[in-house]
Amino acid sequence: MAHTKIGGKTLLEIGYPQTPVFRTAMRVMEADFSHLSQEEAIELLKKILADPAAYVDDPVLGTIAEQLLQPVAPPEIELRATPVPYTVYGKDYIEEGAIRQINNAVRLPVAVAGSLMPDAHQGYGLPIGGVLAAENAVIPYGVGVDIGCRMCLSILDLPEHSLYTNEAAYVKELTSHTKFGAGAEWKKREADPVLERSEFKDIRFVRNLLDKAAGQLGTSGSGNHFVEWGIVTITDINNEWNLAPGNYVGLLSHSGSRGMGAQIAGHYTQLAKELCPLPKEVQHLAYLDLDTEAGQEYWLAMNLAGDYASACHHLIHKRLIKATGATLLARIENHHNFAWKEMYQGKEVIVHRKGATPAGKGVLGIIPGSMTAPGFIVRGKGEERSLQSASHGAGRQMSRTKALASITPQELNAVLQEHGVTLIGGGLDEAPGAYKNISTVMASQTDLVEVIGRFIPKVVRMADGGPPED
């Protein structure tokens, strides 16, 4: 009787995956089971495939079973040959690396449209200042490491002159009621509804982050995160708060979701890379399908981190407003590291804004400058080509390494003195010279937002230097 020989075609028909198990199964069947008929050999292979765990301890068939039980890596996903449309604002001021990154992003199979803001510079995955609309998919590194990083401005009834005549009190309260740095926590923990959210129980990975989140609530990160007192000038007579045009004391903060957001970003980025293998040059753009459990988990965790970031700002502002005896007249705030479900050309898409301010028609936002340059209160114009987005700041023109190497403490102090700014903490990597000219950036996006007010920093609190969290 002729020996039975199992080939690759037969294994495919049975349903075996095209992995090393192919070669192993053919070798084992030829060496130890060639005496079986074709039908008997196929039946045995079907049984192993149906329940490989039952054969793991078999001295011969166990090698087939073990390889069937190993996770199968999905094939590498190909990029589009032709990118989807995208618009670049302020191209003359944007480094080549950021342009290259947005070029790659708009070639993803899920990409619908893209845009690059005038403050853009190179990051991981999407560039900082990158905006990408995707179809039913979310990119963890399209949101960023510091999920929900945001701006919050409180306009107060304190007299403007008090910033000059009573600066020491403003410095004291800012020092006493803020904490900065990667591991910063408050000894006395505050209660907040965000800590009672069901996601802390329902999502296994997030469960372990509750204690860290509780300790860091109401603190700020390192890098470019800040809390500062300054002068708000309202220029629009038809503003949303019915405030008389003129000057007010303002409290402005910039930070995100702290250690909790960073760990969520890291965990789901790694998961996305495993589930969505992309070519090496775009591996940080790995995405999660929103119809999958992993995609839904990340979406819920991202929204939790965004709400947590908002709660951090509100607690910081609450403490400082209470300490100064001020009354809140108006508040403007916005995320700039997040993903939203929005409509684009009549279709729901997921809009990722990594370092970009939402600028839908009539939507208010804040675009800061630097520790000495003005920030701007803006109203969005709803420009479709920018995916209803604007810049999130001035944007870096020097890397942190270059800034540390080229800016001296004496130069920083001279700039601070020239602008009448008192700095508490802060590293040379955050010196004003490390940033683009905010006026140039704003001039590049007049189609995207209208300016309705300004903020001039006067007393600035930052961490003592170190890597950024966004």
Protein backbone atom coordinates (compact mmCIF):
# COMPACT_ATOMS: atom_id res chain seq x y z
CA MET A 1 0.00 0.00 0.00
CA ALA A 2 1.35 3.47 -0.92
CA HIS A 3 2.43 5.76 1.93
CA THR A 4 0.07 8.61 2.77
CA LYS A 5 1.61 12.07 2.32
CA ILE A 6 -0.04 15.22 3.66
CA GLY A 7 0.78 18.40 1.72
CA GLY A 8 0.24 22.10 2.26
CA LYS A 9 -2.88 22.19 0.09
CA THR A 10 -4.53 19.56 2.27
CA LEU A 11 -3.60 21.42 5.47
CA LEU A 12 -5.10 24.65 4.08
CA GLU A 13 -8.32 22.83 3.20
CA ILE A 14 -8.51 21.43 6.75
CA GLY A 15 -8.06 24.96 8.13
CA TYR A 16 -4.48 24.94 9.44
CA PRO A 17 -2.90 28.42 9.69
CA GLN A 18 0.07 29.21 7.44
CA THR A 19 2.63 29.24 10.27
CA PRO A 20 5.55 26.92 11.19
CA VAL A 21 2.90 24.34 12.15
CA PHE A 22 2.58 23.57 8.40
CA ARG A 23 6.08 22.13 8.19
CA THR A 24 5.79 20.39 11.57
CA ALA A 25 2.49 18.68 10.68
CA MET A 26 3.79 17.45 7.31
CA ARG A 27 6.98 16.12 8.92
CA VAL A 28 5.16 14.34 11.78
CA MET A 29 2.55 12.78 9.51
CA GLU A 30 5.19 11.50 7.10
CA ALA A 31 7.52 10.16 9.80
CA ASP A 32 5.01 8.57 12.17
CA PHE A 33 1.62 8.22 10.49
CA SER A 34 2.29 7.36 6.86
CA HIS A 35 0.65 3.97 7.47
CA LEU A 36 -2.74 5.68 7.83
CA SER A 37 -5.07 6.12 4.92
CA GLN A 38 -5.58 9.63 3.55
CA GLU A 39 -8.98 9.81 5.20
CA GLU A 40 -7.63 8.62 8.57
CA ALA A 41 -4.72 11.09 8.47
CA ILE A 42 -7.06 14.01 7.66
CA GLU A 43 -9.44 12.98 10.43
CA LEU A 44 -6.58 12.92 12.97
CA LEU A 45 -5.33 16.35 11.88
CA LYS A 46 -8.87 17.73 12.19
CA LYS A 47 -9.12 16.43 15.76
CA ILE A 48 -5.82 18.10 16.73
CA LEU A 49 -6.92 21.37 15.15
CA ALA A 50 -10.30 21.26 16.94
CA ASP A 51 -8.76 20.69 20.39
CA PRO A 52 -4.98 21.14 20.41
CA ALA A 53 -4.85 21.33 24.22
CA ALA A 54 -5.94 17.67 24.39
CA TYR A 55 -2.80 16.62 22.46
CA VAL A 56 -0.14 18.80 24.13
CA ASP A 57 1.19 15.92 26.24
CA ASP A 58 1.31 13.44 23.36
CA PRO A 59 5.01 12.59 22.73
CA VAL A 60 4.55 12.77 18.94
CA LEU A 61 1.50 14.92 18.19
CA GLY A 62 2.37 17.40 20.96
CA THR A 63 4.69 19.38 18.69
CA ILE A 64 1.78 20.08 16.32
CA ALA A 65 -0.54 20.98 19.20
CA GLU A 66 1.97 23.38 20.82
CA GLN A 67 2.40 25.33 17.59
CA LEU A 68 -1.36 25.52 17.07
CA LEU A 69 -1.72 27.02 20.55
CA GLN A 70 0.83 29.76 19.90
CA PRO A 71 -0.77 33.11 18.98
CA VAL A 72 -0.68 33.80 15.27
CA ALA A 73 0.69 37.22 14.33
CA PRO A 74 -1.57 38.93 11.79
CA PRO A 75 0.04 39.82 8.46
CA GLU A 76 1.56 43.29 8.04
CA ILE A 77 -0.99 45.84 6.90
CA GLU A 78 -0.22 47.67 3.67
CA LEU A 79 -0.45 51.45 3.39
CA ARG A 80 -2.45 53.23 0.72
CA ALA A 81 -0.58 53.85 -2.51
CA THR A 82 -2.28 57.26 -2.73
CA PRO A 83 -2.71 59.42 0.39
CA VAL A 84 -6.07 60.91 1.35
CA PRO A 85 -6.32 64.74 1.10
CA TYR A 86 -4.69 66.91 3.74
CA THR A 87 -3.89 70.60 4.28
CA VAL A 88 -0.80 72.13 5.88
CA TYR A 89 -1.00 75.55 7.56
CA GLY A 90 2.18 77.60 8.01
CA LYS A 91 4.27 75.14 6.00
CA ASP A 92 7.26 77.50 5.89
CA TYR A 93 7.65 77.20 9.67
CA ILE A 94 7.24 73.42 10.00
CA GLU A 95 10.17 70.99 10.15
CA GLU A 96 10.54 68.25 7.55
CA GLY A 97 10.06 65.44 10.09
CA ALA A 98 6.53 66.61 10.94
CA ILE A 99 5.61 66.86 7.23
CA ARG A 100 6.90 63.33 6.70
CA GLN A 101 4.84 62.03 9.62
CA ILE A 102 1.57 63.51 8.36
CA ASN A 103 2.40 62.17 4.88
CA ASN A 104 2.62 58.69 6.41
CA ALA A 105 -0.52 59.08 8.52
CA VAL A 106 -2.77 59.94 5.57
CA ARG A 107 -1.73 56.68 3.88
CA LEU A 108 -3.25 54.50 6.62
CA PRO A 109 -6.08 52.26 5.33
CA VAL A 110 -8.46 53.88 7.84
CA ALA A 111 -7.47 57.48 7.02
CA VAL A 112 -10.21 59.77 5.69
CA ALA A 113 -8.52 63.22 5.78
CA GLY A 114 -5.71 65.04 7.55
CA SER A 115 -4.37 68.44 8.48
CA LEU A 116 -1.23 69.93 10.00
CA MET A 117 -1.30 73.00 12.24
CA PRO A 118 1.25 75.85 12.03
CA ASP A 119 2.80 74.96 15.42
CA ALA A 120 3.57 71.41 14.27
CA HIS A 121 6.78 69.56 15.09
CA GLN A 122 7.87 65.93 15.06
CA GLY A 123 6.53 63.52 17.68
CA TYR A 124 5.64 59.81 17.93
CA GLY A 125 2.98 58.50 15.56
CA LEU A 126 1.18 61.67 14.55
CA PRO A 127 3.32 64.81 14.73
CA ILE A 128 2.50 67.30 17.47
CA GLY A 129 0.03 69.59 15.71
CA GLY A 130 -1.26 66.74 13.56
CA VAL A 131 -4.97 66.14 12.95
CA LEU A 132 -6.28 62.93 11.37
CA ALA A 133 -9.83 61.75 10.65
CA ALA A 134 -10.13 57.94 10.62
CA GLU A 135 -12.96 55.60 9.78
CA ASN A 136 -14.22 53.67 12.84
CA ALA A 137 -10.73 53.34 14.32
CA VAL A 138 -8.74 55.06 17.06
CA ILE A 139 -4.95 55.48 17.13
CA PRO A 140 -3.57 55.66 20.70
CA TYR A 141 -0.46 57.54 19.56
CA GLY A 142 -2.72 59.74 17.44
CA VAL A 143 -4.11 60.96 20.76
CA GLY A 144 -0.73 61.08 22.51
CA VAL A 145 0.85 59.93 25.74
CA ASP A 146 -0.74 62.67 27.85
CA ILE A 147 -4.37 61.88 27.10
CA GLY A 148 -6.70 64.83 27.57
CA CYS A 149 -3.90 67.39 27.96
CA ARG A 150 -5.85 70.61 28.06
CA MET A 151 -6.04 74.33 28.73
CA CYS A 152 -8.22 75.95 31.38
CA LEU A 153 -8.62 79.71 31.85
CA SER A 154 -10.58 81.29 34.72
CA ILE A 155 -11.37 85.01 34.43
CA LEU A 156 -11.68 86.54 37.91
CA ASP A 157 -12.99 89.72 39.52
CA LEU A 158 -9.63 90.60 41.13
CA PRO A 159 -8.28 94.09 40.32
CA GLU A 160 -5.60 94.12 37.63
CA HIS A 161 -3.24 96.34 39.63
CA SER A 162 -3.06 93.72 42.42
CA LEU A 163 -0.79 91.61 40.22
CA TYR A 164 1.79 94.39 40.55
CA THR A 165 1.10 95.77 44.02
CA ASN A 166 0.61 92.40 45.74
CA GLU A 167 2.72 90.05 43.62
CA ALA A 168 4.16 88.29 46.68
CA ALA A 169 0.69 87.04 47.65
CA TYR A 170 0.10 85.63 44.17
CA VAL A 171 3.48 83.87 44.30
CA LYS A 172 2.69 82.45 47.76
CA GLU A 173 -0.70 81.03 46.78
CA LEU A 174 0.62 79.60 43.53
CA THR A 175 3.46 77.88 45.40
CA SER A 176 1.22 76.58 48.20
CA HIS A 177 -1.66 75.26 46.11
CA THR A 178 0.07 73.57 43.16
CA LYS A 179 2.30 70.52 42.78
CA PHE A 180 4.39 69.67 39.72
CA GLY A 181 6.45 66.77 38.39
CA ALA A 182 6.15 63.22 37.13
CA GLY A 183 5.53 61.64 40.55
CA ALA A 184 3.84 64.56 42.29
CA GLU A 185 1.00 63.66 44.67
CA TRP A 186 -0.96 65.40 47.41
CA LYS A 187 -0.74 63.85 50.90
CA LYS A 188 -4.33 64.87 51.60
CA ARG A 189 -6.50 63.38 48.88
CA GLU A 190 -9.59 65.10 47.54
CA ALA A 191 -12.85 63.35 46.68
CA ASP A 192 -14.19 63.83 43.16
CA PRO A 193 -16.95 62.16 41.12
CA VAL A 194 -14.42 61.14 38.45
CA LEU A 195 -12.81 58.73 40.94
CA GLU A 196 -16.19 56.97 41.33
CA ARG A 197 -16.51 56.23 37.62
CA SER A 198 -17.50 52.66 36.65
CA GLU A 199 -14.54 52.36 34.27
CA PHE A 200 -12.26 51.93 37.29
CA LYS A 201 -14.16 48.71 38.02
CA ASP A 202 -15.17 47.56 34.55
CA ILE A 203 -11.84 47.79 32.70
CA ARG A 204 -9.28 45.39 34.12
CA PHE A 205 -6.21 47.45 33.17
CA VAL A 206 -7.68 50.70 34.51
CA ARG A 207 -8.61 49.04 37.81
CA ASN A 208 -5.00 49.17 38.97
CA LEU A 209 -4.67 52.89 38.20
CA LEU A 210 -7.24 54.19 40.67
CA ASP A 211 -4.82 54.69 43.56
CA LYS A 212 -2.37 56.64 41.40
CA ALA A 213 -5.19 58.73 39.97
CA ALA A 214 -6.50 59.57 43.44
CA GLY A 215 -3.07 60.66 44.65
CA GLN A 216 -2.29 62.82 41.62
CA LEU A 217 -5.69 64.48 41.32
CA GLY A 218 -5.18 68.25 41.21
CA THR A 219 -1.46 68.09 40.34
CA SER A 220 0.43 69.12 37.20
CA GLY A 221 3.06 67.37 35.10
CA SER A 222 6.55 68.31 34.00
CA GLY A 223 7.83 69.69 30.68
CA ASN A 224 5.61 72.45 29.30
CA HIS A 225 2.87 72.13 31.91
CA PHE A 226 2.15 75.26 33.94
CA VAL A 227 -0.21 77.21 36.18
CA GLU A 228 0.07 80.98 35.91
CA TRP A 229 -1.48 84.27 36.90
CA GLY A 230 -1.81 86.92 34.23
CA ILE A 231 -3.85 89.69 32.67
CA VAL A 232 -6.80 88.79 30.46
CA THR A 233 -7.87 91.39 27.91
CA ILE A 234 -11.33 90.88 26.42
CA THR A 235 -11.47 92.55 22.99
CA ASP A 236 -14.81 91.28 21.62
CA ILE A 237 -17.74 93.40 22.72
CA ASN A 238 -20.12 90.54 21.83
CA ASN A 239 -18.36 87.93 23.96
CA GLU A 240 -20.19 84.86 25.27
CA TRP A 241 -20.01 85.94 28.96
CA ASN A 242 -21.35 89.49 28.57
CA LEU A 243 -18.15 90.84 30.09
CA ALA A 244 -17.25 94.44 29.40
CA PRO A 245 -14.20 94.67 27.10
CA GLY A 246 -11.12 95.45 29.16
CA ASN A 247 -8.58 93.87 31.53
CA TYR A 248 -9.14 91.20 34.18
CA VAL A 249 -6.95 88.95 36.33
CA GLY A 250 -6.81 85.47 34.84
CA LEU A 251 -5.66 82.05 36.04
CA LEU A 252 -4.41 79.79 33.23
CA SER A 253 -3.35 76.14 33.51
CA HIS A 254 -1.98 73.54 31.11
CA SER A 255 -1.63 69.84 31.99
CA GLY A 256 -3.23 66.47 31.34
CA SER A 257 -4.15 63.11 32.82
CA ARG A 258 -0.86 62.52 34.64
CA GLY A 259 0.46 58.99 35.28
CA MET A 260 -2.91 57.36 34.67
CA GLY A 261 -3.13 58.72 31.11
CA ALA A 262 0.47 57.80 30.34
CA GLN A 263 -0.07 54.18 31.41
CA ILE A 264 -3.30 53.89 29.42
CA ALA A 265 -1.49 55.24 26.37
CA GLY A 266 1.43 52.84 26.77
CA HIS A 267 -0.73 49.75 27.34
CA TYR A 268 -3.12 50.29 24.44
CA THR A 269 -0.40 51.43 22.04
CA GLN A 270 1.42 48.14 22.64
CA LEU A 271 -1.83 46.23 22.16
CA ALA A 272 -2.54 48.13 18.93
CA LYS A 273 0.93 47.27 17.61
CA GLU A 274 0.26 43.57 18.26
CA LEU A 275 -3.19 43.60 16.65
CA CYS A 276 -2.34 46.00 13.83
CA PRO A 277 1.18 45.36 12.48
CA LEU A 278 2.20 48.22 10.21
CA PRO A 279 5.41 48.87 8.26
CA LYS A 280 8.28 49.92 10.54
CA GLU A 281 8.20 53.58 9.54
CA VAL A 282 4.58 53.94 10.74
CA GLN A 283 4.42 51.38 13.55
CA HIS A 284 3.50 54.09 16.10
CA LEU A 285 0.30 54.72 14.10
CA ALA A 286 -1.12 51.29 14.95
CA TYR A 287 -4.88 51.58 15.40
CA LEU A 288 -7.73 49.77 17.15
CA ASP A 289 -11.00 49.00 15.39
CA LEU A 290 -13.86 50.48 17.42
CA ASP A 291 -15.95 47.38 16.74
CA THR A 292 -13.50 45.27 18.78
CA GLU A 293 -13.29 44.83 22.55
CA ALA A 294 -9.81 46.39 22.59
CA GLY A 295 -11.03 49.43 20.65
CA GLN A 296 -14.00 49.96 22.95
CA GLU A 297 -11.83 49.55 26.04
CA TYR A 298 -9.38 52.19 24.86
CA TRP A 299 -12.20 54.56 23.89
CA LEU A 300 -13.74 54.31 27.37
CA ALA A 301 -10.34 54.62 29.08
CA MET A 302 -9.41 57.63 26.91
CA ASN A 303 -12.64 59.43 27.81
CA LEU A 304 -12.09 58.64 31.48
CA ALA A 305 -8.56 60.09 31.28
CA GLY A 306 -9.91 63.21 29.55
CA ASP A 307 -12.51 63.77 32.26
CA TYR A 308 -9.85 63.13 34.90
CA ALA A 309 -7.61 65.81 33.32
CA SER A 310 -10.53 68.25 33.44
CA ALA A 311 -11.13 67.42 37.11
CA CYS A 312 -7.44 68.12 37.86
CA HIS A 313 -7.72 71.61 36.37
CA HIS A 314 -10.96 72.36 38.17
CA LEU A 315 -9.45 71.37 41.52
CA ILE A 316 -6.35 73.53 40.93
CA HIS A 317 -8.52 76.52 40.03
CA LYS A 318 -10.90 75.91 42.94
CA ARG A 319 -8.02 75.98 45.45
CA LEU A 320 -6.46 79.14 44.06
CA ILE A 321 -9.73 81.01 43.62
CA LYS A 322 -10.65 80.20 47.23
CA ALA A 323 -7.19 81.21 48.49
CA THR A 324 -7.43 84.63 46.84
CA GLY A 325 -11.07 85.25 47.73
CA ALA A 326 -11.89 85.81 44.05
CA THR A 327 -15.18 85.30 42.21
CA LEU A 328 -15.24 83.37 38.94
CA LEU A 329 -16.61 85.50 36.09
CA ALA A 330 -16.00 83.15 33.14
CA ARG A 331 -14.16 79.98 32.19
CA ILE A 332 -12.81 78.70 28.86
CA GLU A 333 -11.21 75.27 28.46
CA ASN A 334 -10.38 72.68 25.83
CA HIS A 335 -8.55 69.39 25.30
CA HIS A 336 -5.80 69.23 22.70
CA ASN A 337 -4.67 65.57 22.96
CA PHE A 338 -7.82 63.59 22.28
CA ALA A 339 -10.07 61.86 19.75
CA TRP A 340 -13.67 62.87 19.01
CA LYS A 341 -16.56 61.40 17.03
CA GLU A 342 -17.45 64.14 14.54
CA MET A 343 -19.08 64.56 11.16
CA TYR A 344 -16.96 65.10 8.05
CA GLN A 345 -18.62 65.46 4.65
CA GLY A 346 -21.79 63.82 5.96
CA LYS A 347 -20.03 60.84 7.53
CA GLU A 348 -19.10 60.08 11.15
CA VAL A 349 -15.34 59.87 11.62
CA ILE A 350 -12.90 59.73 14.51
CA VAL A 351 -10.94 63.01 14.57
CA HIS A 352 -7.58 62.74 16.34
CA ARG A 353 -6.09 66.04 17.51
CA LYS A 354 -2.60 65.51 18.86
CA GLY A 355 -1.56 68.96 19.97
CA ALA A 356 -4.40 70.74 18.16
CA THR A 357 -7.28 72.85 19.45
CA PRO A 358 -10.89 72.06 18.49
CA ALA A 359 -12.13 74.95 16.32
CA GLY A 360 -15.65 74.06 15.25
CA LYS A 361 -17.86 77.02 14.36
CA GLY A 362 -18.44 79.04 17.52
CA VAL A 363 -16.31 76.72 19.69
CA LEU A 364 -14.13 78.57 22.21
CA GLY A 365 -10.53 77.65 22.98
CA ILE A 366 -7.21 78.90 24.33
CA ILE A 367 -3.93 78.95 22.40
CA PRO A 368 -0.99 79.79 24.71
CA GLY A 369 2.30 81.36 23.63
CA SER A 370 5.23 80.85 26.02
CA MET A 371 6.08 81.95 29.57
CA THR A 372 6.58 85.50 28.26
CA ALA A 373 4.49 85.56 25.05
CA PRO A 374 0.73 86.20 24.98
CA GLY A 375 -1.88 83.49 24.73
CA PHE A 376 -5.11 83.92 22.77
CA ILE A 377 -8.77 83.27 23.52
CA VAL A 378 -10.24 82.16 20.20
CA ARG A 379 -13.57 81.32 18.60
CA GLY A 380 -13.53 78.61 15.93
CA LYS A 381 -14.66 79.25 12.38
CA GLY A 382 -15.46 75.59 11.55
CA GLU A 383 -13.03 75.31 8.62
CA GLU A 384 -13.49 71.86 7.04
CA ARG A 385 -10.01 71.73 5.47
CA SER A 386 -8.41 71.89 8.92
CA LEU A 387 -10.90 69.31 10.24
CA GLN A 388 -12.23 72.17 12.40
CA SER A 389 -8.93 72.50 14.24
CA ALA A 390 -6.29 75.12 15.09
CA SER A 391 -2.85 75.13 16.71
CA HIS A 392 -2.50 74.28 20.41
CA GLY A 393 0.28 76.79 21.06
CA ALA A 394 3.33 78.38 19.48
CA GLY A 395 5.10 75.07 18.89
CA ARG A 396 8.75 74.25 19.47
CA GLN A 397 11.44 75.54 17.16
CA MET A 398 14.22 73.94 19.24
CA SER A 399 14.39 70.44 20.63
CA ARG A 400 14.78 70.19 24.39
CA THR A 401 18.37 69.01 23.96
CA LYS A 402 19.22 71.96 21.71
CA ALA A 403 17.55 74.45 24.04
CA LEU A 404 19.47 73.14 27.05
CA ALA A 405 22.72 73.37 25.10
CA SER A 406 22.19 76.84 23.61
CA ILE A 407 20.19 78.92 26.15
CA THR A 408 21.89 80.12 29.33
CA PRO A 409 20.24 80.93 32.68
CA GLN A 410 21.37 84.54 32.25
CA GLU A 411 19.58 84.78 28.88
CA LEU A 412 16.39 83.34 30.34
CA ASN A 413 16.49 85.73 33.30
CA ALA A 414 17.00 88.70 30.98
CA VAL A 415 13.94 87.77 28.90
CA LEU A 416 11.83 87.27 32.02
CA GLN A 417 12.89 90.65 33.39
CA GLU A 418 12.23 92.36 30.06
CA HIS A 419 8.62 91.09 30.06
CA GLY A 420 8.00 91.55 33.79
CA VAL A 421 7.41 87.82 34.42
CA THR A 422 8.15 86.03 37.71
CA LEU A 423 9.03 82.36 37.17
CA ILE A 424 8.76 79.66 39.83
CA GLY A 425 10.56 76.52 38.66
CA GLY A 426 10.89 75.99 34.94
CA GLY A 427 13.82 74.60 32.95
CA LEU A 428 15.92 76.10 30.17
CA ASP A 429 14.22 73.66 27.78
CA GLU A 430 11.04 75.72 28.27
CA ALA A 431 12.68 79.10 27.71
CA PRO A 432 10.78 81.40 25.33
CA GLY A 433 13.53 81.11 22.73
CA ALA A 434 12.77 77.40 22.33
CA TYR A 435 9.36 78.29 20.85
CA LYS A 436 8.16 79.73 17.56
CA ASN A 437 6.84 83.26 17.38
CA ILE A 438 3.20 83.00 18.47
CA SER A 439 2.25 86.01 16.31
CA THR A 440 3.57 84.22 13.21
CA VAL A 441 1.62 81.08 14.15
CA MET A 442 -1.60 83.03 14.70
CA ALA A 443 -1.18 84.84 11.38
CA SER A 444 -1.04 81.44 9.65
CA GLN A 445 -4.48 80.41 10.92
CA THR A 446 -6.75 83.40 10.47
CA ASP A 447 -9.01 81.13 8.37
CA LEU A 448 -9.41 78.81 11.35
CA VAL A 449 -10.12 81.04 14.37
CA GLU A 450 -10.94 84.60 15.33
CA VAL A 451 -9.26 86.18 18.37
CA ILE A 452 -11.63 87.50 21.04
CA GLY A 453 -9.16 88.04 23.88
CA ARG A 454 -5.57 87.75 25.07
CA PHE A 455 -3.73 86.51 28.13
CA ILE A 456 -0.39 88.01 29.25
CA PRO A 457 1.54 85.82 31.76
CA LYS A 458 2.85 87.54 34.91
CA VAL A 459 3.51 84.88 37.60
CA VAL A 460 4.34 81.45 36.14
CA ARG A 461 4.74 78.14 37.98
CA MET A 462 6.29 75.09 36.27
CA ALA A 463 8.18 71.96 37.25
CA ASP A 464 11.94 72.27 37.73
CA GLY A 465 12.77 70.95 34.26
CA GLY A 466 12.56 67.41 32.89
CA PRO A 467 10.93 65.40 30.12
CA PRO A 468 7.45 66.35 28.93
CA GLU A 469 4.32 64.31 29.57
CA ASP A 470 2.73 65.09 26.21
